[in-house]
Every structure is written in structure tokens, then in C-alpha cells.
């Protein structure tokens, strides 16, 4: 059950980040990958800042913020 929640959070966060940054999504698999990588980036950032995010909504916010930062960095490199 945990892996399904993890994938759901990744999909939601990836979709939100795609919507915020580009106005579209990247497909289900792309959203999941973007959300999972974004969760790692957001987790590292929140950990560095000393911020604790808990629960389902906190995880989505953390992953979305990380994915937005990831998309912004990719846009700068392009």
C-alpha cells in the first residue's frame, strides 16, 4: 500500500509542477518520475532549511516544490 501512495503523490506533484511551470502535464509516467525526483529535491531543501513537512498534503507540497525547482533549473539550462 505504501508504494501506491508514493506513486500517487509523485503523480499529483508532477502534474501540479507541470501545470505551474508550463501549463501542461507530462503524461502519467512523466508526472510520476518528475514528482518522485521532485520529492527528493524538495526533501533535501526542506531538510536543509530545517522545515518539517508531514502527512499526505505536506508530502505533496514538498514534492511539488522540488519538482518546480527541478523544472526551473532545466529551463535555465535549456
N, C-alpha and C. Protein backbone atom coordinates (compact mmCIF):
# COMPACT_ATOMS: atom_id res chain seq x y z
N UNK A 1 0.82 -1.20 0.00
CA UNK A 1 0.00 0.00 0.00
C UNK A 1 0.86 1.26 0.00
N UNK A 2 2.03 1.21 0.66
CA UNK A 2 2.90 2.38 0.72
C UNK A 2 3.41 2.82 -0.64
N UNK A 3 3.73 1.86 -1.50
CA UNK A 3 4.25 2.21 -2.82
C UNK A 3 3.17 2.87 -3.67
N UNK A 4 1.92 2.48 -3.49
CA UNK A 4 0.84 3.11 -4.23
C UNK A 4 0.65 4.56 -3.80
N UNK A 5 0.75 4.82 -2.52
CA UNK A 5 0.65 6.20 -2.03
C UNK A 5 1.83 7.02 -2.54
N UNK A 6 3.01 6.43 -2.55
CA UNK A 6 4.21 7.09 -3.06
C UNK A 6 4.04 7.47 -4.53
N UNK A 7 3.52 6.55 -5.34
CA UNK A 7 3.29 6.82 -6.76
C UNK A 7 2.19 7.85 -6.95
N UNK A 8 1.16 7.81 -6.12
CA UNK A 8 0.07 8.79 -6.21
C UNK A 8 0.59 10.19 -5.89
N UNK A 9 1.39 10.30 -4.84
CA UNK A 9 1.98 11.60 -4.50
C UNK A 9 2.87 12.10 -5.64
N UNK A 10 3.67 11.20 -6.21
CA UNK A 10 4.52 11.57 -7.34
C UNK A 10 3.72 12.05 -8.53
N UNK A 11 2.63 11.36 -8.84
CA UNK A 11 1.80 11.75 -9.98
C UNK A 11 1.14 13.11 -9.75
N UNK A 12 0.61 13.32 -8.57
CA UNK A 12 -0.04 14.60 -8.26
C UNK A 12 0.98 15.74 -8.27
N UNK A 13 2.12 15.53 -7.64
CA UNK A 13 3.14 16.57 -7.58
C UNK A 13 3.70 16.89 -8.96
N UNK A 14 3.93 15.86 -9.77
CA UNK A 14 4.43 16.09 -11.13
C UNK A 14 3.43 16.85 -11.98
N UNK A 15 2.15 16.48 -11.85
CA UNK A 15 1.11 17.18 -12.61
C UNK A 15 1.02 18.64 -12.17
N UNK A 16 1.04 18.88 -10.85
CA UNK A 16 0.98 20.25 -10.35
C UNK A 16 2.17 21.07 -10.82
N UNK A 17 3.36 20.50 -10.76
CA UNK A 17 4.56 21.23 -11.19
C UNK A 17 4.51 21.53 -12.68
N UNK A 18 4.07 20.55 -13.47
CA UNK A 18 3.93 20.78 -14.91
C UNK A 18 2.91 21.87 -15.21
N UNK A 19 1.84 21.88 -14.45
CA UNK A 19 0.81 22.90 -14.64
C UNK A 19 1.33 24.28 -14.23
N UNK A 20 2.06 24.34 -13.13
CA UNK A 20 2.59 25.62 -12.65
C UNK A 20 3.64 26.17 -13.62
N UNK A 21 4.53 25.33 -14.09
CA UNK A 21 5.67 25.81 -14.88
C UNK A 21 5.41 25.90 -16.38
N UNK A 22 4.62 25.02 -16.93
CA UNK A 22 4.46 25.02 -18.38
C UNK A 22 3.01 25.13 -18.83
N UNK A 23 2.09 24.92 -17.93
CA UNK A 23 0.69 24.96 -18.31
C UNK A 23 0.19 23.64 -18.87
N UNK A 24 0.97 22.56 -18.76
CA UNK A 24 0.54 21.24 -19.23
C UNK A 24 1.25 20.18 -18.41
N UNK A 25 0.77 18.94 -18.58
CA UNK A 25 1.40 17.84 -17.84
C UNK A 25 2.32 17.06 -18.77
N UNK A 26 2.99 16.04 -18.23
CA UNK A 26 3.97 15.28 -18.99
C UNK A 26 3.54 13.83 -19.18
N UNK A 27 2.27 13.54 -19.04
CA UNK A 27 1.80 12.17 -19.12
C UNK A 27 1.94 11.51 -17.75
N UNK A 28 1.26 10.40 -17.56
CA UNK A 28 1.24 9.76 -16.25
C UNK A 28 2.63 9.36 -15.78
N UNK A 29 3.39 8.67 -16.63
CA UNK A 29 4.72 8.20 -16.23
C UNK A 29 5.66 9.38 -16.02
N UNK A 30 5.61 10.36 -16.90
CA UNK A 30 6.45 11.55 -16.75
C UNK A 30 6.14 12.31 -15.48
N UNK A 31 4.85 12.43 -15.15
CA UNK A 31 4.46 13.11 -13.91
C UNK A 31 4.96 12.36 -12.68
N UNK A 32 4.85 11.03 -12.70
CA UNK A 32 5.30 10.24 -11.56
C UNK A 32 6.81 10.40 -11.36
N UNK A 33 7.56 10.30 -12.45
CA UNK A 33 9.02 10.43 -12.36
C UNK A 33 9.39 11.84 -11.88
N UNK A 34 8.75 12.85 -12.47
CA UNK A 34 9.03 14.23 -12.07
C UNK A 34 8.68 14.44 -10.60
N UNK A 35 7.56 13.89 -10.16
CA UNK A 35 7.15 14.04 -8.77
C UNK A 35 8.08 13.33 -7.80
N UNK A 36 8.56 12.14 -8.17
CA UNK A 36 9.46 11.39 -7.29
C UNK A 36 10.80 12.10 -7.17
N UNK A 37 11.34 12.54 -8.29
CA UNK A 37 12.61 13.28 -8.25
C UNK A 37 12.41 14.61 -7.52
N UNK A 38 11.26 15.24 -7.76
CA UNK A 38 10.93 16.48 -7.06
C UNK A 38 10.81 16.28 -5.56
N UNK A 39 10.30 15.12 -5.15
CA UNK A 39 10.20 14.81 -3.72
C UNK A 39 11.58 14.73 -3.09
N UNK A 40 12.53 14.17 -3.82
CA UNK A 40 13.89 14.09 -3.30
C UNK A 40 14.49 15.50 -3.19
N UNK A 41 14.33 16.30 -4.24
CA UNK A 41 14.87 17.66 -4.23
C UNK A 41 14.20 18.49 -3.14
N UNK A 42 12.86 18.42 -3.07
CA UNK A 42 12.14 19.17 -2.04
C UNK A 42 12.48 18.70 -0.63
N UNK A 43 12.65 17.39 -0.46
CA UNK A 43 13.02 16.86 0.85
C UNK A 43 14.39 17.34 1.29
N UNK A 44 15.33 17.36 0.36
CA UNK A 44 16.66 17.86 0.67
C UNK A 44 16.62 19.35 1.02
N UNK A 45 15.84 20.11 0.25
CA UNK A 45 15.72 21.55 0.51
C UNK A 45 15.07 21.81 1.87
N UNK A 46 13.97 21.12 2.14
CA UNK A 46 13.29 21.32 3.42
C UNK A 46 14.17 20.87 4.58
N UNK A 47 14.91 19.80 4.38
CA UNK A 47 15.81 19.32 5.43
C UNK A 47 16.91 20.35 5.69
N UNK A 48 17.45 20.94 4.62
CA UNK A 48 18.49 21.96 4.75
C UNK A 48 17.96 23.18 5.50
N UNK A 49 16.71 23.55 5.23
CA UNK A 49 16.11 24.71 5.88
C UNK A 49 15.57 24.40 7.27
N UNK A 50 15.53 23.13 7.63
CA UNK A 50 15.05 22.74 8.94
C UNK A 50 13.53 22.72 9.05
N UNK A 51 12.84 22.62 7.91
CA UNK A 51 11.38 22.61 7.89
C UNK A 51 10.90 21.17 7.86
N UNK A 52 9.92 20.86 8.68
CA UNK A 52 9.33 19.52 8.71
C UNK A 52 8.00 19.55 7.97
N UNK A 53 7.83 18.66 7.03
CA UNK A 53 6.53 18.53 6.35
C UNK A 53 6.01 17.13 6.62
N UNK A 54 4.82 17.04 7.11
CA UNK A 54 4.27 15.75 7.45
C UNK A 54 2.92 15.53 6.83
N UNK A 55 2.54 14.29 6.74
CA UNK A 55 1.23 13.94 6.22
C UNK A 55 1.18 13.92 4.72
N UNK A 56 0.03 13.61 4.21
CA UNK A 56 -0.18 13.47 2.77
C UNK A 56 -0.04 14.81 2.06
N UNK A 57 -0.71 15.82 2.57
CA UNK A 57 -0.68 17.15 1.94
C UNK A 57 0.72 17.75 2.02
N UNK A 58 1.39 17.60 3.15
CA UNK A 58 2.75 18.09 3.29
C UNK A 58 3.71 17.43 2.32
N UNK A 59 3.50 16.15 2.08
CA UNK A 59 4.34 15.43 1.12
C UNK A 59 4.10 15.93 -0.30
N UNK A 60 2.86 16.21 -0.62
CA UNK A 60 2.55 16.73 -1.96
C UNK A 60 3.16 18.11 -2.14
N UNK A 61 3.08 18.95 -1.12
CA UNK A 61 3.66 20.30 -1.21
C UNK A 61 5.17 20.21 -1.37
N UNK A 62 5.81 19.35 -0.58
CA UNK A 62 7.26 19.18 -0.67
C UNK A 62 7.67 18.69 -2.05
N UNK A 63 6.99 17.68 -2.55
CA UNK A 63 7.32 17.11 -3.86
C UNK A 63 7.05 18.10 -4.98
N UNK A 64 5.97 18.85 -4.87
CA UNK A 64 5.64 19.84 -5.90
C UNK A 64 6.67 20.95 -5.93
N UNK A 65 7.05 21.44 -4.77
CA UNK A 65 8.07 22.49 -4.71
C UNK A 65 9.39 22.00 -5.31
N UNK A 66 9.78 20.79 -4.96
CA UNK A 66 11.01 20.23 -5.53
C UNK A 66 10.92 20.06 -7.03
N UNK A 67 9.76 19.62 -7.52
CA UNK A 67 9.59 19.43 -8.97
C UNK A 67 9.60 20.77 -9.70
N UNK A 68 9.01 21.80 -9.10
CA UNK A 68 9.04 23.13 -9.72
C UNK A 68 10.47 23.64 -9.79
N UNK A 69 11.24 23.45 -8.73
CA UNK A 69 12.65 23.85 -8.74
C UNK A 69 13.40 23.08 -9.81
N UNK A 70 13.12 21.80 -9.93
CA UNK A 70 13.76 20.95 -10.94
C UNK A 70 13.42 21.45 -12.35
N UNK A 71 12.16 21.75 -12.62
CA UNK A 71 11.76 22.26 -13.93
C UNK A 71 12.38 23.63 -14.20
N UNK A 72 12.45 24.48 -13.19
CA UNK A 72 13.06 25.79 -13.36
C UNK A 72 14.53 25.66 -13.72
N UNK A 73 15.23 24.76 -13.01
CA UNK A 73 16.65 24.52 -13.33
C UNK A 73 16.84 23.96 -14.73
N UNK A 74 15.95 23.08 -15.16
CA UNK A 74 16.05 22.53 -16.52
C UNK A 74 15.79 23.63 -17.54
N UNK A 75 14.87 24.52 -17.23
CA UNK A 75 14.58 25.62 -18.15
C UNK A 75 15.77 26.57 -18.27
N UNK A 76 16.48 26.79 -17.17
CA UNK A 76 17.68 27.64 -17.20
C UNK A 76 18.79 27.01 -18.04
N UNK A 77 18.92 25.70 -17.94
CA UNK A 77 19.96 25.01 -18.70
C UNK A 77 19.65 24.97 -20.20
N UNK A 78 18.39 25.00 -20.52
CA UNK A 78 18.00 24.96 -21.93
C UNK A 78 18.14 26.33 -22.48
